Amino acid sequence: MAGPSRSLTSGGIFYSLARFSLPVLLTLFLQALYGGVDLLVVGQFASTADVSGVSTGNMLLSTFTMLVTGLSMGPTVTVGEAIGSGSPKEAGRAVLAGLTLLGSLAVLLTLGLALFAQPLAALLDAPPEAMDHTVAYIRICGLGMVFIVAYNFLGAVLRGAGDAKTPLYTVAVACAVNIVGDLLLVAGFHLGAAGAAIATVAAQAVSVLLSLFFLCRKPLPFAMPPRAGRKLTRKMLRQLRICMPSSGVLLKSLYCIGGTSRGMILLV
C-alpha cells in the first residue's frame, strides 16, 4: 500500500521534506477529527446531555491524544537518525526505547482514565444532567487509549523508516470506520455518548491492526538488540528531550483546530 520506499538522505532537500511532511500533517489533522465527528453525529441523533458529554469528554481525550502524538516524535527522530547513519542495531534500540516509553504511558493513561473518569468529569465541570454521559465517554475512550498509543508508536516506527504514507492510509480508514460506527451505534441503536465512544475505540483498534499488517509486510531496516541496559535508558531520555517541544506545539495546534471544528459543528 505504501509503495516502494525512498531514501530521505539523497536528492533535493525541499522535495524530500515536502513529500514526507505532507502525509504527516494530514495524519495529524485526521486524528484531530475523531472527536469532531463524534460531536457532529451525536448532535444530530442524540440528546443535549449526550452532546455535552461528548464535548466535555473529548476536550480531555483530545489533549491526551495530542500529548501521545507529540511523544511519538522522539522515536521517529531517533529511529530515522539511526537508519540514516546506517546503524540497524542503534535503530533497534531506538524502537525498543520508544516501545518502553510509550508502553508505560499507555498503561498509565488507560488505568488513569478508566479508574478516575468520575473525578475527571467533575474537574471538567460537566453539567449534572450530562455527568453520566461524560463519565461513560471518558471511561470507554480511556480503555481504548492503549490503541491510540499503539497506533502512534507503530506510526513513529514507520515514519522513522521513511514511510509517512502508511500511517496516513490507516488513519483514513479508521476515520471511515468511526463515521460508520457513529451512525450505526448513535443513529441506529441510540447509544448516545457511549455509542460514539465505542465507535471511536473500534476505529482506533482498526488503525492498529492495519499498521501491524503493513509493518509486518515491510522489510524493516533495523535489528532488535538482545540486551539494551543503560543504552536503552539513555535512548529513552534523549527521546523525551526531543519530543517535549513537539508535544507543546501540537497541544497549541489542537486548541486551534478544536475551536474551529466546534464552531463549524455549531453552525451545522
Protein backbone atom coordinates (compact mmCIF):
# COMPACT_ATOMS: atom_id res chain seq x y z
CA MET A 1 0.00 0.00 0.00
CA ALA A 2 2.76 2.39 0.86
CA GLY A 3 4.65 1.79 -2.34
CA PRO A 4 8.39 1.47 -2.70
CA SER A 5 10.42 3.19 -0.01
CA ARG A 6 12.57 6.15 -1.00
CA SER A 7 15.68 7.44 0.68
CA LEU A 8 15.40 10.72 2.55
CA THR A 9 19.17 11.15 2.64
CA SER A 10 19.59 11.75 -1.09
CA GLY A 11 18.06 14.08 -3.67
CA GLY A 12 16.63 17.57 -3.21
CA ILE A 13 16.02 18.55 0.41
CA PHE A 14 12.86 20.57 -0.18
CA TYR A 15 11.17 17.93 -2.30
CA SER A 16 12.06 15.14 0.13
CA LEU A 17 10.81 17.10 3.14
CA ALA A 18 7.58 18.14 1.41
CA ARG A 19 6.89 14.58 0.26
CA PHE A 20 7.46 13.30 3.79
CA SER A 21 5.81 16.07 5.84
CA LEU A 22 2.55 16.43 3.93
CA PRO A 23 1.26 12.94 4.87
CA VAL A 24 2.33 13.60 8.48
CA LEU A 25 0.30 16.84 8.61
CA LEU A 26 -2.73 15.14 7.05
CA THR A 27 -2.45 12.30 9.56
CA LEU A 28 -2.43 14.75 12.48
CA PHE A 29 -5.44 16.54 11.03
CA LEU A 30 -7.43 13.30 10.65
CA GLN A 31 -6.55 12.26 14.20
CA ALA A 32 -7.92 15.57 15.46
CA LEU A 33 -11.23 14.95 13.65
CA TYR A 34 -12.27 11.90 15.70
CA GLY A 35 -13.95 13.95 18.39
CA GLY A 36 -15.43 16.36 15.87
CA VAL A 37 -17.15 13.51 14.02
CA ASP A 38 -18.47 12.10 17.31
CA LEU A 39 -19.85 15.50 18.27
CA LEU A 40 -21.46 16.07 14.87
CA VAL A 41 -23.26 12.72 14.79
CA VAL A 42 -24.32 12.88 18.44
CA GLY A 43 -25.58 16.42 17.86
CA GLN A 44 -27.82 15.19 15.06
CA PHE A 45 -29.15 11.98 16.58
CA ALA A 46 -28.87 12.14 20.39
CA SER A 47 -29.90 14.29 23.33
CA THR A 48 -28.42 17.57 24.51
CA ALA A 49 -26.94 15.76 27.52
CA ASP A 50 -25.15 13.36 25.17
CA VAL A 51 -23.76 16.28 23.17
CA SER A 52 -22.49 17.90 26.35
CA GLY A 53 -20.94 14.61 27.49
CA VAL A 54 -19.07 14.09 24.21
CA SER A 55 -17.96 17.72 24.02
CA THR A 56 -16.64 17.77 27.59
CA GLY A 57 -15.03 14.35 27.43
CA ASN A 58 -13.48 15.00 24.04
CA MET A 59 -11.56 18.01 25.36
CA LEU A 60 -9.73 15.73 27.78
CA LEU A 61 -9.25 12.83 25.36
CA SER A 62 -8.00 15.09 22.56
CA THR A 63 -5.45 16.65 24.89
CA PHE A 64 -4.04 13.24 25.81
CA THR A 65 -4.10 12.12 22.17
CA MET A 66 -2.01 15.09 21.08
CA LEU A 67 0.33 14.53 24.02
CA VAL A 68 0.87 10.93 22.87
CA THR A 69 1.35 12.11 19.28
CA GLY A 70 3.98 14.60 20.42
CA LEU A 71 5.80 11.97 22.48
CA SER A 72 5.91 9.66 19.45
CA MET A 73 8.10 12.22 17.70
CA GLY A 74 11.02 11.09 19.86
CA PRO A 75 11.09 7.52 18.48
CA THR A 76 10.52 8.85 14.96
CA VAL A 77 13.59 11.09 15.14
CA THR A 78 15.91 8.59 16.84
CA VAL A 79 14.88 5.68 14.59
CA GLY A 80 15.28 7.79 11.45
CA GLU A 81 18.62 9.15 12.65
CA ALA A 82 19.99 5.65 13.28
CA ILE A 83 18.73 4.28 9.97
CA GLY A 84 20.14 7.27 8.10
CA SER A 85 23.55 6.70 9.67
CA GLY A 86 23.49 3.03 8.66
CA SER A 87 23.25 1.59 12.18
CA PRO A 88 20.46 -1.03 12.32
CA LYS A 89 21.33 -2.07 15.89
CA GLU A 90 21.07 1.51 17.10
CA ALA A 91 17.76 1.84 15.27
CA GLY A 92 16.58 -1.31 17.05
CA ARG A 93 17.50 0.23 20.41
CA ALA A 94 15.53 3.34 19.46
CA VAL A 95 12.48 1.19 18.61
CA LEU A 96 12.79 -0.68 21.91
CA ALA A 97 13.18 2.57 23.85
CA GLY A 98 10.10 4.02 22.16
CA LEU A 99 8.14 0.85 22.90
CA THR A 100 9.11 1.02 26.57
CA LEU A 101 8.36 4.74 26.86
CA LEU A 102 5.01 4.71 25.07
CA GLY A 103 4.01 1.34 26.52
CA SER A 104 4.43 2.69 30.04
CA LEU A 105 2.40 5.75 29.06
CA ALA A 106 -0.36 3.53 27.61
CA VAL A 107 -0.72 1.63 30.89
CA LEU A 108 -0.75 4.86 32.91
CA LEU A 109 -3.33 6.63 30.73
CA THR A 110 -5.60 3.60 30.29
CA LEU A 111 -5.79 2.85 34.01
CA GLY A 112 -5.98 6.50 34.99
CA LEU A 113 -8.84 7.40 32.65
CA ALA A 114 -10.79 4.21 33.37
CA LEU A 115 -10.47 4.45 37.15
CA PHE A 116 -10.78 8.22 37.57
CA ALA A 117 -13.36 9.07 34.91
CA GLN A 118 -15.81 10.37 37.53
CA PRO A 119 -13.47 12.85 39.27
CA LEU A 120 -12.06 13.93 35.91
CA ALA A 121 -15.56 14.69 34.63
CA ALA A 122 -16.23 16.70 37.79
CA LEU A 123 -12.92 18.52 37.35
CA LEU A 124 -14.00 19.44 33.81
CA ASP A 125 -17.17 20.94 35.33
CA ALA A 126 -19.52 18.67 33.40
CA PRO A 127 -23.18 19.70 33.88
CA PRO A 128 -25.09 17.49 36.36
CA GLU A 129 -27.53 16.30 33.70
CA ALA A 130 -24.61 15.28 31.45
CA MET A 131 -22.34 13.83 34.15
CA ASP A 132 -23.16 10.16 33.43
CA HIS A 133 -22.68 10.66 29.68
CA THR A 134 -19.35 12.42 30.23
CA VAL A 135 -18.10 9.69 32.55
CA ALA A 136 -19.14 6.97 30.08
CA TYR A 137 -17.39 8.72 27.18
CA ILE A 138 -14.17 9.28 29.16
CA ARG A 139 -14.13 5.74 30.58
CA ILE A 140 -14.77 3.95 27.28
CA CYS A 141 -12.34 6.10 25.30
CA GLY A 142 -9.85 5.76 28.16
CA LEU A 143 -9.96 1.98 27.85
CA GLY A 144 -9.15 2.47 24.17
CA MET A 145 -6.19 4.75 24.92
CA VAL A 146 -3.93 1.72 24.51
CA PHE A 147 -4.89 1.67 20.82
CA ILE A 148 -4.08 5.36 20.41
CA VAL A 149 -0.64 4.84 21.93
CA ALA A 150 -0.05 1.66 19.90
CA TYR A 151 -1.01 3.37 16.64
CA ASN A 152 1.26 6.33 17.33
CA PHE A 153 4.16 4.02 18.22
CA LEU A 154 3.74 1.99 15.04
CA GLY A 155 3.38 5.20 13.03
CA ALA A 156 6.56 6.53 14.63
CA VAL A 157 8.47 3.39 13.58
CA LEU A 158 7.14 3.59 10.04
CA ARG A 159 7.93 7.29 9.70
CA GLY A 160 11.37 6.73 11.20
CA ALA A 161 11.93 4.15 8.46
CA GLY A 162 10.93 6.76 5.85
CA ASP A 163 7.29 5.71 5.28
CA ALA A 164 4.88 8.53 6.14
CA LYS A 165 2.08 7.35 3.83
CA THR A 166 1.07 4.10 5.54
CA PRO A 167 0.11 5.86 8.83
CA LEU A 168 -2.00 8.27 6.76
CA TYR A 169 -3.78 5.44 4.93
CA THR A 170 -4.51 3.56 8.14
CA VAL A 171 -5.89 6.57 10.00
CA ALA A 172 -8.01 7.48 6.94
CA VAL A 173 -9.58 4.00 7.02
CA ALA A 174 -10.05 4.36 10.79
CA CYS A 175 -11.87 7.68 10.28
CA ALA A 176 -14.24 5.98 7.84
CA VAL A 177 -14.84 3.19 10.36
CA ASN A 178 -15.51 5.82 13.04
CA ILE A 179 -18.12 7.55 10.89
CA VAL A 180 -19.90 4.28 10.08
CA GLY A 181 -19.72 3.20 13.71
CA ASP A 182 -21.11 6.52 14.95
CA LEU A 183 -24.03 6.33 12.55
CA LEU A 184 -24.71 2.69 13.46
CA LEU A 185 -24.44 3.00 17.23
CA VAL A 186 -25.73 6.54 17.76
CA ALA A 187 -28.30 6.94 14.99
CA GLY A 188 -29.22 3.25 14.70
CA PHE A 189 -29.02 1.84 18.23
CA HIS A 190 -29.45 5.19 20.06
CA LEU A 191 -26.50 4.61 22.40
CA GLY A 192 -25.64 8.31 22.58
CA ALA A 193 -22.26 9.31 24.01
CA ALA A 194 -21.38 5.72 24.89
CA GLY A 195 -22.02 4.62 21.30
CA ALA A 196 -19.78 7.39 19.96
CA ALA A 197 -17.02 6.31 22.34
CA ILE A 198 -17.34 2.65 21.32
CA ALA A 199 -17.15 3.62 17.63
CA THR A 200 -14.03 5.69 18.30
CA VAL A 201 -12.28 2.87 20.16
CA ALA A 202 -13.20 0.36 17.43
CA ALA A 203 -11.81 2.69 14.76
CA GLN A 204 -8.57 3.11 16.69
CA ALA A 205 -8.26 -0.66 17.04
CA VAL A 206 -8.65 -0.98 13.25
CA SER A 207 -5.83 1.54 12.73
CA VAL A 208 -3.54 -0.54 14.96
CA LEU A 209 -4.35 -3.80 13.18
CA LEU A 210 -3.78 -2.21 9.76
CA SER A 211 -0.49 -0.67 10.89
CA LEU A 212 0.71 -4.03 12.23
CA PHE A 213 -0.31 -5.73 8.99
CA PHE A 214 1.66 -3.34 6.79
CA LEU A 215 4.59 -3.15 9.18
CA CYS A 216 4.96 -6.94 9.13
CA ARG A 217 4.93 -6.92 5.32
CA LYS A 218 7.78 -4.41 5.05
CA PRO A 219 11.49 -5.28 5.19
CA LEU A 220 12.48 -3.43 8.34
CA PRO A 221 15.88 -1.66 8.30
CA PHE A 222 16.65 -2.30 11.97
CA ALA A 223 17.58 -5.18 14.25
CA MET A 224 16.27 -5.60 17.79
CA PRO A 225 19.17 -5.93 20.26
CA PRO A 226 19.16 -8.93 22.65
CA ARG A 227 20.13 -6.64 25.53
CA ALA A 228 19.88 -2.88 25.92
CA GLY A 229 20.68 -1.98 29.54
CA ARG A 230 21.86 1.56 30.18
CA LYS A 231 21.86 2.41 26.47
CA LEU A 232 18.09 1.92 26.48
CA THR A 233 17.67 4.35 29.38
CA ARG A 234 19.85 6.95 27.65
CA LYS A 235 17.88 6.49 24.44
CA MET A 236 14.58 6.99 26.27
CA LEU A 237 15.84 10.17 27.94
CA ARG A 238 17.01 11.51 24.58
CA GLN A 239 13.62 10.74 23.04
CA LEU A 240 11.94 12.67 25.85
CA ARG A 241 14.20 15.68 25.25
CA ILE A 242 13.37 15.59 21.54
CA CYS A 243 9.62 15.16 21.85
CA MET A 244 8.69 17.57 24.64
CA PRO A 245 8.79 20.72 22.43
CA SER A 246 6.73 18.88 19.79
CA SER A 247 4.09 18.00 22.38
CA GLY A 248 3.68 21.66 23.32
CA VAL A 249 3.31 22.75 19.70
CA LEU A 250 0.77 20.01 18.97
CA LEU A 251 -1.31 20.90 22.02
CA LYS A 252 -1.48 24.53 20.90
CA SER A 253 -2.48 23.39 17.41
CA LEU A 254 -5.15 21.14 18.92
CA TYR A 255 -6.87 24.06 20.62
CA CYS A 256 -6.92 25.99 17.33
CA ILE A 257 -8.29 23.04 15.35
CA GLY A 258 -10.72 22.09 18.12
CA GLY A 259 -12.10 25.59 18.38
CA THR A 260 -12.58 25.81 14.62
CA SER A 261 -14.22 22.39 14.33
CA ARG A 262 -16.59 23.04 17.24
CA GLY A 263 -17.57 26.34 15.67
CA MET A 264 -18.35 24.63 12.36
CA ILE A 265 -20.41 21.96 14.17
CA LEU A 266 -22.44 24.62 15.99
CA LEU A 267 -23.16 26.29 12.65
CA VAL A 268 -24.39 22.95 11.25
